[in-house]
Amino acid sequence: NNNNNNNNNNTQNNDDDDDDNTISYSSQNGFVTLVGDAAHAMTPSMGEGCNTALESAVKLVDAFTSLMEQKRRGKTAAAATATATAAIMSQAFRLYGASRPKETIPIQIASALQNGWKQ
């Protein structure tokens, strides 16, 4: 529970900056990204942890798929089977990492508030 409260306190501090770009679930270079409790821990009492983790996994796959489709569109028919590269994976990690916190932070805050966290 202390970890959950600490994560939520850190999130709250970032929200005070009014700059959504400061919160990301990926490293700037795109080599690492966080999914599930590593990115958005919450208390189990709301039953949202697994759902949020699964949604995050889908969002990460969507970012990767979108980039692969863009790459395929730029190829000839013979080369339409584009292969994934480290650069594409890093870009997908950064896209996911920048977009997902906006969707999960309200759930984290609601979870913390329900369990006695004070803003």
C-alpha atoms as a PDB file:
ATOM      1  CA  ASN A   1       0.000   0.000   0.000  1.00  0.00           C
ATOM      2  CA  ASN A   2       2.849   2.393   0.690  1.00  0.00           C
ATOM      3  CA  ASN A   3       4.117   1.886  -2.868  1.00  0.00           C
ATOM      4  CA  ASN A   4       0.686   2.673  -4.274  1.00  0.00           C
ATOM      5  CA  ASN A   5       0.432   5.843  -2.225  1.00  0.00           C
ATOM      6  CA  ASN A   6       3.938   6.902  -3.231  1.00  0.00           C
ATOM      7  CA  ASN A   7       3.152   6.343  -6.901  1.00  0.00           C
ATOM      8  CA  ASN A   8      -0.023   8.346  -6.610  1.00  0.00           C
ATOM      9  CA  ASN A   9       1.734  11.150  -4.752  1.00  0.00           C
ATOM     10  CA  ASN A  10       4.342  11.333  -7.509  1.00  0.00           C
ATOM     11  CA  THR A  11       1.601  11.382 -10.111  1.00  0.00           C
ATOM     12  CA  GLN A  12      -0.188  14.166  -8.268  1.00  0.00           C
ATOM     13  CA  ASN A  13       2.987  16.232  -8.135  1.00  0.00           C
ATOM     14  CA  ASN A  14       3.393  15.854 -11.884  1.00  0.00           C
ATOM     15  CA  ASP A  15      -0.234  16.853 -12.447  1.00  0.00           C
ATOM     16  CA  ASP A  16       0.387  20.118 -10.595  1.00  0.00           C
ATOM     17  CA  ASP A  17       2.798  21.070 -13.377  1.00  0.00           C
ATOM     18  CA  ASP A  18      -0.135  21.116 -15.850  1.00  0.00           C
ATOM     19  CA  ASP A  19       2.194  19.585 -18.430  1.00  0.00           C
ATOM     20  CA  ASP A  20       1.012  16.157 -19.629  1.00  0.00           C
ATOM     21  CA  ASN A  21       4.259  15.693 -21.539  1.00  0.00           C
ATOM     22  CA  THR A  22       6.252  15.321 -18.324  1.00  0.00           C
ATOM     23  CA  ILE A  23       4.642  11.965 -17.543  1.00  0.00           C
ATOM     24  CA  SER A  24       5.644   9.012 -19.684  1.00  0.00           C
ATOM     25  CA  TYR A  25       5.695   5.265 -19.237  1.00  0.00           C
ATOM     26  CA  SER A  26       8.738   4.924 -21.482  1.00  0.00           C
ATOM     27  CA  SER A  27      12.308   6.131 -21.434  1.00  0.00           C
ATOM     28  CA  GLN A  28      13.183   9.065 -23.697  1.00  0.00           C
ATOM     29  CA  ASN A  29      15.266   6.840 -25.962  1.00  0.00           C
ATOM     30  CA  GLY A  30      12.413   4.314 -26.235  1.00  0.00           C
ATOM     31  CA  PHE A  31      14.509   1.368 -25.072  1.00  0.00           C
ATOM     32  CA  VAL A  32      12.289   0.695 -22.042  1.00  0.00           C
ATOM     33  CA  THR A  33       8.564   0.958 -21.402  1.00  0.00           C
ATOM     34  CA  LEU A  34       6.381   0.090 -18.433  1.00  0.00           C
ATOM     35  CA  VAL A  35       3.077  -1.795 -18.525  1.00  0.00           C
ATOM     36  CA  GLY A  36       0.717  -2.871 -15.761  1.00  0.00           C
ATOM     37  CA  ASP A  37       1.534  -2.232 -12.109  1.00  0.00           C
ATOM     38  CA  ALA A  38       5.047  -1.142 -13.052  1.00  0.00           C
ATOM     39  CA  ALA A  39       3.489   1.836 -14.841  1.00  0.00           C
ATOM     40  CA  HIS A  40       0.244   2.422 -13.011  1.00  0.00           C
ATOM     41  CA  ALA A  41      -0.031   0.616  -9.705  1.00  0.00           C
ATOM     42  CA  MET A  42      -3.357   0.841  -7.935  1.00  0.00           C
ATOM     43  CA  THR A  43      -5.005  -0.787  -4.980  1.00  0.00           C
ATOM     44  CA  PRO A  44      -6.934  -4.013  -5.627  1.00  0.00           C
ATOM     45  CA  SER A  45     -10.184  -2.798  -4.032  1.00  0.00           C
ATOM     46  CA  MET A  46     -11.501  -1.231  -7.257  1.00  0.00           C
ATOM     47  CA  GLY A  47     -10.833  -4.278  -9.428  1.00  0.00           C
ATOM     48  CA  GLU A  48      -9.271  -2.068 -12.114  1.00  0.00           C
ATOM     49  CA  GLY A  49      -5.643  -3.263 -12.019  1.00  0.00           C
ATOM     50  CA  CYS A  50      -5.934  -6.209 -14.405  1.00  0.00           C
ATOM     51  CA  ASN A  51      -8.279  -4.358 -16.760  1.00  0.00           C
ATOM     52  CA  THR A  52      -5.951  -1.369 -16.921  1.00  0.00           C
ATOM     53  CA  ALA A  53      -2.917  -3.599 -17.501  1.00  0.00           C
ATOM     54  CA  LEU A  54      -4.670  -5.425 -20.344  1.00  0.00           C
ATOM     55  CA  GLU A  55      -5.757  -2.114 -21.894  1.00  0.00           C
ATOM     56  CA  SER A  56      -2.162  -0.891 -21.665  1.00  0.00           C
ATOM     57  CA  ALA A  57      -0.897  -4.003 -23.429  1.00  0.00           C
ATOM     58  CA  VAL A  58      -3.435  -3.463 -26.213  1.00  0.00           C
ATOM     59  CA  LYS A  59      -2.435   0.214 -26.518  1.00  0.00           C
ATOM     60  CA  LEU A  60       1.215  -0.806 -26.843  1.00  0.00           C
ATOM     61  CA  VAL A  61       0.368  -3.351 -29.555  1.00  0.00           C
ATOM     62  CA  ASP A  62      -1.779  -0.710 -31.317  1.00  0.00           C
ATOM     63  CA  ALA A  63       1.153   1.735 -31.371  1.00  0.00           C
ATOM     64  CA  PHE A  64       3.438  -0.929 -32.824  1.00  0.00           C
ATOM     65  CA  THR A  65       0.856  -2.094 -35.387  1.00  0.00           C
ATOM     66  CA  SER A  66       0.190   1.455 -36.532  1.00  0.00           C
ATOM     67  CA  LEU A  67       3.895   2.092 -37.121  1.00  0.00           C
ATOM     68  CA  MET A  68       4.284  -1.203 -38.997  1.00  0.00           C
ATOM     69  CA  GLU A  69       1.315  -0.341 -41.235  1.00  0.00           C
ATOM     70  CA  GLN A  70       2.865   3.046 -42.003  1.00  0.00           C
ATOM     71  CA  LYS A  71       6.115   1.304 -42.926  1.00  0.00           C
ATOM     72  CA  ARG A  72       4.316  -1.204 -45.169  1.00  0.00           C
ATOM     73  CA  ARG A  73       2.473   1.562 -47.033  1.00  0.00           C
ATOM     74  CA  GLY A  74       5.810   3.019 -48.096  1.00  0.00           C
ATOM     75  CA  LYS A  75       7.008  -0.277 -49.602  1.00  0.00           C
ATOM     76  CA  THR A  76       6.449  -1.922 -52.969  1.00  0.00           C
ATOM     77  CA  ALA A  77       4.141  -4.931 -53.190  1.00  0.00           C
ATOM     78  CA  ALA A  78       7.139  -7.290 -53.227  1.00  0.00           C
ATOM     79  CA  ALA A  79       8.469  -5.786 -50.001  1.00  0.00           C
ATOM     80  CA  ALA A  80       5.108  -5.466 -48.254  1.00  0.00           C
ATOM     81  CA  THR A  81       6.198  -7.769 -45.459  1.00  0.00           C
ATOM     82  CA  ALA A  82       8.009  -5.100 -43.470  1.00  0.00           C
ATOM     83  CA  THR A  83      10.073  -6.393 -40.584  1.00  0.00           C
ATOM     84  CA  ALA A  84      10.142  -4.878 -37.148  1.00  0.00           C
ATOM     85  CA  THR A  85      13.305  -3.026 -36.237  1.00  0.00           C
ATOM     86  CA  ALA A  86      14.652  -1.762 -32.939  1.00  0.00           C
ATOM     87  CA  ALA A  87      13.887   1.773 -34.151  1.00  0.00           C
ATOM     88  CA  ILE A  88      10.214   0.914 -34.749  1.00  0.00           C
ATOM     89  CA  MET A  89       9.939  -0.796 -31.362  1.00  0.00           C
ATOM     90  CA  SER A  90      11.497   2.233 -29.649  1.00  0.00           C
ATOM     91  CA  GLN A  91       9.137   4.576 -31.462  1.00  0.00           C
ATOM     92  CA  ALA A  92       6.148   2.423 -30.454  1.00  0.00           C
ATOM     93  CA  PHE A  93       7.342   2.446 -26.837  1.00  0.00           C
ATOM     94  CA  ARG A  94       7.589   6.247 -26.912  1.00  0.00           C
ATOM     95  CA  LEU A  95       4.133   6.652 -28.503  1.00  0.00           C
ATOM     96  CA  TYR A  96       2.539   4.372 -25.930  1.00  0.00           C
ATOM     97  CA  GLY A  97       4.541   5.877 -23.070  1.00  0.00           C
ATOM     98  CA  ALA A  98       3.453   9.419 -23.881  1.00  0.00           C
ATOM     99  CA  SER A  99      -0.227   8.678 -24.500  1.00  0.00           C
ATOM    100  CA  ARG A 100      -1.195   6.118 -21.856  1.00  0.00           C
ATOM    101  CA  PRO A 101      -0.749   8.137 -18.623  1.00  0.00           C
ATOM    102  CA  LYS A 102      -3.605  10.461 -19.600  1.00  0.00           C
ATOM    103  CA  GLU A 103      -5.932   7.455 -19.495  1.00  0.00           C
ATOM    104  CA  THR A 104      -4.623   5.726 -16.378  1.00  0.00           C
ATOM    105  CA  ILE A 105      -3.839   8.539 -13.960  1.00  0.00           C
ATOM    106  CA  PRO A 106      -7.527   9.308 -13.238  1.00  0.00           C
ATOM    107  CA  ILE A 107      -8.045   5.635 -12.334  1.00  0.00           C
ATOM    108  CA  GLN A 108      -4.991   5.659 -10.061  1.00  0.00           C
ATOM    109  CA  ILE A 109      -6.218   8.775  -8.291  1.00  0.00           C
ATOM    110  CA  ALA A 110      -9.721   7.332  -7.827  1.00  0.00           C
ATOM    111  CA  SER A 111      -8.176   4.157  -6.420  1.00  0.00           C
ATOM    112  CA  ALA A 112      -6.009   6.101  -3.988  1.00  0.00           C
ATOM    113  CA  LEU A 113      -8.873   8.350  -2.879  1.00  0.00           C
ATOM    114  CA  GLN A 114     -11.121   5.356  -2.267  1.00  0.00           C
ATOM    115  CA  ASN A 115      -8.437   3.989   0.040  1.00  0.00           C
ATOM    116  CA  GLY A 116      -7.931   7.099   2.116  1.00  0.00           C
ATOM    117  CA  TRP A 117      -5.331   9.054   0.163  1.00  0.00           C
ATOM    118  CA  LYS A 118      -5.829  12.793   0.563  1.00  0.00           C
ATOM    119  CA  GLN A 119      -5.063  15.195  -2.273  1.00  0.00           C
END
